[in-house]
Protein backbone atom coordinates (compact mmCIF):
# COMPACT_ATOMS: atom_id res chain seq x y z
CA UNK A 1 99.51 85.39 76.92
CA UNK A 2 95.67 86.48 78.28
CA UNK A 3 95.92 89.77 80.58
CA UNK A 4 92.80 88.44 82.15
CA UNK A 5 91.25 85.54 83.88
CA UNK A 6 87.45 83.95 83.19
CA UNK A 7 87.56 83.57 86.96
CA UNK A 8 88.12 86.27 90.03
CA UNK A 9 89.65 85.33 93.08
CA UNK A 10 90.27 86.70 96.38
CA UNK A 11 93.05 85.84 98.55
CA UNK A 12 93.32 85.68 102.61
CA UNK A 13 96.30 84.23 105.19
CA UNK A 14 95.01 81.81 106.40
CA UNK A 15 93.38 77.95 105.53
CA UNK A 16 90.41 79.19 108.96
CA UNK A 17 89.13 82.62 107.19
CA UNK A 18 89.43 81.09 103.77
CA UNK A 19 86.86 77.95 105.19
CA UNK A 20 84.82 80.32 106.82
CA UNK A 21 84.18 82.11 103.38
CA UNK A 22 83.56 78.76 101.87
CA UNK A 23 80.81 77.92 104.56
CA UNK A 24 79.11 80.85 104.82
CA UNK A 25 80.15 83.07 101.93
CA UNK A 26 81.47 86.71 101.81
CA UNK A 27 81.35 89.30 104.72
CA UNK A 28 82.06 92.90 103.86
CA UNK A 29 84.30 94.49 106.35
CA UNK A 30 85.13 98.69 105.92
CA UNK A 31 88.48 99.12 104.26
CA UNK A 32 90.39 102.30 104.73
CA UNK A 33 91.12 103.57 101.44
CA UNK A 34 93.69 105.98 100.17
CA UNK A 35 91.96 108.93 98.99
CA UNK A 36 94.73 112.10 98.63
CA UNK A 37 94.36 111.99 95.20
CA UNK A 38 90.80 113.53 95.32
CA UNK A 39 93.43 116.68 96.05
CA UNK A 40 91.66 117.87 99.83
CA UNK A 41 93.83 118.68 102.30
CA UNK A 42 93.65 116.71 105.57
CA UNK A 43 91.47 114.14 104.15
CA UNK A 44 93.81 110.93 103.33
CA UNK A 45 91.30 108.33 103.97
CA UNK A 46 88.03 106.87 104.47
CA UNK A 47 86.68 103.58 105.06
CA UNK A 48 83.80 101.61 102.90
CA UNK A 49 82.38 98.31 103.29
CA UNK A 50 83.47 95.87 100.39
CA UNK A 51 84.93 92.68 99.43
CA UNK A 52 87.80 92.53 97.22
CA UNK A 53 88.75 90.14 94.08
CA UNK A 54 91.36 89.91 91.27
CA UNK A 55 90.84 89.75 87.71
CA UNK A 56 94.63 88.16 86.41
CA UNK A 57 95.78 84.69 85.14
CA UNK A 58 97.16 82.44 87.16
CA UNK A 59 100.58 83.15 85.86
CA UNK A 60 100.33 86.52 87.75
CA UNK A 61 99.01 85.44 90.52
CA UNK A 62 102.59 84.99 92.29
CA UNK A 63 102.96 88.84 93.62
CA UNK A 64 99.54 89.30 95.07
CA UNK A 65 99.47 86.50 96.64
CA UNK A 66 102.85 87.36 99.20
CA UNK A 67 100.70 90.36 99.75
CA UNK A 68 97.26 89.45 100.52
CA UNK A 69 98.05 85.60 101.50
CA UNK A 70 98.45 82.11 100.05
CA UNK A 71 94.92 80.55 100.56
CA UNK A 72 92.17 81.84 98.07
CA UNK A 73 88.64 80.95 95.79
CA UNK A 74 88.17 81.45 92.42
CA UNK A 75 84.87 82.02 91.44
CA UNK A 76 82.96 82.78 88.03
CA UNK A 77 82.04 86.11 86.54
CA UNK A 78 78.90 85.06 86.09
CA UNK A 79 78.08 84.77 89.67
CA UNK A 80 80.16 87.90 90.25
CA UNK A 81 78.08 89.81 87.96
CA UNK A 82 74.85 88.47 88.93
CA UNK A 83 75.60 89.52 92.71
CA UNK A 84 76.34 93.26 91.48
CA UNK A 85 80.16 92.93 91.68
CA UNK A 86 81.89 95.47 89.28
CA UNK A 87 85.13 96.40 87.95
CA UNK A 88 86.54 99.54 89.59
CA UNK A 89 87.58 102.83 87.97
CA UNK A 90 91.38 103.51 88.27
CA UNK A 91 92.40 107.13 88.21
CA UNK A 92 95.44 108.63 87.16
CA UNK A 93 96.36 111.79 89.64
CA UNK A 94 97.17 114.06 87.11
CA UNK A 95 93.94 113.54 85.08
CA UNK A 96 90.72 115.73 85.54
CA UNK A 97 88.77 112.98 87.01
CA UNK A 98 89.98 114.05 90.70
CA UNK A 99 88.70 117.88 89.99
CA UNK A 100 85.46 116.63 88.34
CA UNK A 101 84.78 114.81 91.68
CA UNK A 102 85.51 117.59 93.62
CA UNK A 103 83.50 119.72 91.56
CA UNK A 104 80.43 117.44 91.61
CA UNK A 105 81.05 117.36 95.43
CA UNK A 106 81.04 121.80 95.34
CA UNK A 107 77.48 121.50 93.25
CA UNK A 108 75.74 120.32 96.49
CA UNK A 109 75.72 123.69 98.28
CA UNK A 110 73.43 124.43 95.33
CA UNK A 111 70.59 121.91 97.03
CA UNK A 112 68.14 121.33 99.62
CA UNK A 113 69.48 119.82 102.87
CA UNK A 114 67.73 116.83 101.85
CA UNK A 115 69.21 116.55 98.73
CA UNK A 116 72.91 117.25 99.94
CA UNK A 117 72.75 114.14 101.97
CA UNK A 118 71.51 112.11 99.16
CA UNK A 119 74.01 113.52 96.98
CA UNK A 120 76.30 112.78 99.26
CA UNK A 121 75.70 108.95 99.43
CA UNK A 122 75.97 108.69 95.90
CA UNK A 123 79.38 110.28 95.38
CA UNK A 124 80.51 108.08 98.33
CA UNK A 125 79.42 105.14 96.47
CA UNK A 126 81.24 106.42 92.82
CA UNK A 127 84.48 106.69 94.84
CA UNK A 128 83.96 103.39 96.39
CA UNK A 129 84.33 101.79 93.33
CA UNK A 130 87.45 104.41 92.81
CA UNK A 131 91.08 103.98 93.29
CA UNK A 132 94.11 106.24 92.00
CA UNK A 133 96.52 103.87 89.93
CA UNK A 134 98.80 104.34 92.46
CA UNK A 135 98.86 105.07 96.08
CA UNK A 136 98.96 103.99 99.94
CA UNK A 137 97.25 100.89 101.50
CA UNK A 138 96.89 100.24 105.40
CA UNK A 139 97.30 96.69 106.04
CA UNK A 140 98.09 95.46 109.42
CA UNK A 141 98.19 99.24 111.22
CA UNK A 142 100.65 100.15 108.40
CA UNK A 143 100.96 102.43 105.28
CA UNK A 144 102.52 100.12 102.23
CA UNK A 145 103.00 101.99 98.58
CA UNK A 146 100.99 100.01 96.83
CA UNK A 147 100.62 99.84 92.39
CA UNK A 148 96.80 99.27 92.27
CA UNK A 149 96.53 99.10 88.75
CA UNK A 150 98.07 95.68 88.31
CA UNK A 151 95.16 94.14 90.43
CA UNK A 152 92.45 94.79 87.99
CA UNK A 153 89.80 94.74 90.88
CA UNK A 154 86.35 93.66 90.87
CA UNK A 155 84.83 94.97 94.39
CA UNK A 156 81.64 94.27 96.01
CA UNK A 157 80.33 97.58 98.22
CA UNK A 158 76.98 96.65 99.34
CA UNK A 159 74.05 99.17 99.35
CA UNK A 160 71.91 98.49 102.67
CA UNK A 161 70.01 100.98 104.75
CA UNK A 162 71.16 99.62 108.08
CA UNK A 163 74.58 99.74 107.21
CA UNK A 164 76.70 103.63 107.23
CA UNK A 165 78.06 103.72 103.76
CA UNK A 166 80.96 104.83 105.22
CA UNK A 167 83.27 105.45 108.23
CA UNK A 168 85.54 108.17 109.20
CA UNK A 169 89.00 107.56 110.51
CA UNK A 170 88.01 108.48 113.37
CA UNK A 171 85.61 105.18 113.82
CA UNK A 172 87.69 103.33 111.84
CA UNK A 173 91.10 103.38 114.28
CA UNK A 174 89.06 102.64 117.25
CA UNK A 175 88.92 98.84 117.20
CA UNK A 176 85.81 98.15 119.31
CA UNK A 177 83.55 100.96 116.88
CA UNK A 178 85.25 98.89 113.86
CA UNK A 179 84.40 95.54 115.27
CA UNK A 180 80.54 96.69 116.15
CA UNK A 181 80.16 98.13 112.55
CA UNK A 182 81.41 95.06 110.70
CA UNK A 183 79.23 92.98 112.53
CA UNK A 184 76.35 94.97 111.07
CA UNK A 185 77.79 94.10 107.61
CA UNK A 186 78.15 90.49 108.11
CA UNK A 187 74.34 90.70 109.19
CA UNK A 188 72.98 92.80 106.64
CA UNK A 189 75.56 92.53 103.80
CA UNK A 190 76.78 89.15 103.42
CA UNK A 191 76.58 87.14 100.41
CA UNK A 192 77.11 83.32 99.53
CA UNK A 193 77.56 81.18 96.43
CA UNK A 194 76.92 77.18 95.65
CA UNK A 195 79.74 75.07 94.74
CA UNK A 196 79.01 75.05 90.95
CA UNK A 197 80.15 78.91 91.17
CA UNK A 198 83.43 78.03 92.26
CA UNK A 199 86.11 77.22 89.80
CA UNK A 200 89.50 77.46 92.24
CA UNK A 201 90.04 76.67 95.80
CA UNK A 202 94.13 77.04 96.64
CA UNK A 203 96.08 75.98 99.58
CA UNK A 204 99.28 76.77 100.43
CA UNK A 205 101.40 73.17 99.94
CA UNK A 206 99.99 70.00 98.95
CA UNK A 207 100.37 69.06 102.51
CA UNK A 208 97.14 71.66 103.46
CA UNK A 209 94.68 69.51 100.52
CA UNK A 210 93.80 67.03 102.79
CA UNK A 211 92.66 69.07 105.78
CA UNK A 212 90.02 71.11 103.19
CA UNK A 213 89.22 68.22 101.37
CA UNK A 214 87.90 67.08 104.54
CA UNK A 215 86.47 70.24 105.38
CA UNK A 216 84.24 69.70 102.46
CA UNK A 217 83.04 66.41 103.08
CA UNK A 218 82.12 67.14 106.50
CA UNK A 219 81.34 70.74 106.80
CA UNK A 220 79.36 71.25 103.46
CA UNK A 221 77.16 67.75 103.37
CA UNK A 222 74.05 70.06 103.09
CA UNK A 223 75.04 70.20 99.26
CA UNK A 224 74.05 67.34 96.78
CA UNK A 225 76.98 64.76 97.43
CA UNK A 226 77.70 65.06 93.50
CA UNK A 227 78.62 69.21 93.73
CA UNK A 228 80.55 68.04 96.54
CA UNK A 229 82.61 65.82 94.38
CA UNK A 230 83.05 68.49 91.77
CA UNK A 231 83.86 71.24 94.57
CA UNK A 232 86.91 68.48 96.28
CA UNK A 233 88.13 68.38 92.68
CA UNK A 234 88.49 72.63 92.50
CA UNK A 235 91.40 72.04 95.51
CA UNK A 236 94.72 72.74 94.47
CA UNK A 237 97.95 73.79 95.62
CA UNK A 238 99.81 77.09 94.77
CA UNK A 239 102.89 74.95 95.47
CA UNK A 240 102.15 72.74 92.85
CA UNK A 241 100.57 75.90 90.67
CA UNK A 242 103.68 77.34 91.13
CA UNK A 243 106.17 74.62 89.87
CA UNK A 244 104.29 74.26 86.87
CA UNK A 245 104.19 77.89 85.80
């Protein structure tokens, strides 16, 4: 069995969110990342703007879907690469990688004030693409334990001068401040795709298919009709796939 897919998947919990993605593209939002693995005291989470995808075969999506949601979309890796989406770096906390990051950060003190600021941005961008093989994750305000390595994650982390490259815990935990920052990423960092980039559109049940087909036909009519016919053919239910796998 192929351990990887030729398609990157993104799952969400509702049909309405999936429709917004299909219509408007992906909107990077700030997500709190577990950075305990770095080994700093009193430094447990930092939030980066991102959109996450998984590179796993359909036969392994069941657990992923249970955690992230039963509505999703699969896009070509060619689209992902063109949009600077990349696999993340998984780090074993017992390896030398955490200390190497700390050593790089400590070297900042030898730089000029201007270069220190630039170096911090560069290091944070690398950290935004790094994750422990296993750690904590904040979902709906709750901390859950997760084996991240199994997700084979690819990630889009924008670089844009109009948005902060990270948020500290205080800002992230303020609903109003977080909303304001996420609006900035929506305005400046969203990425789009065309029907030709789509390989799968997943809905939860067979009964959800007609609604999604109607949405495609009515809301995406600015695309050529031939493209919409292909897009409609991509719609399938996880209910059907589960029965066949």
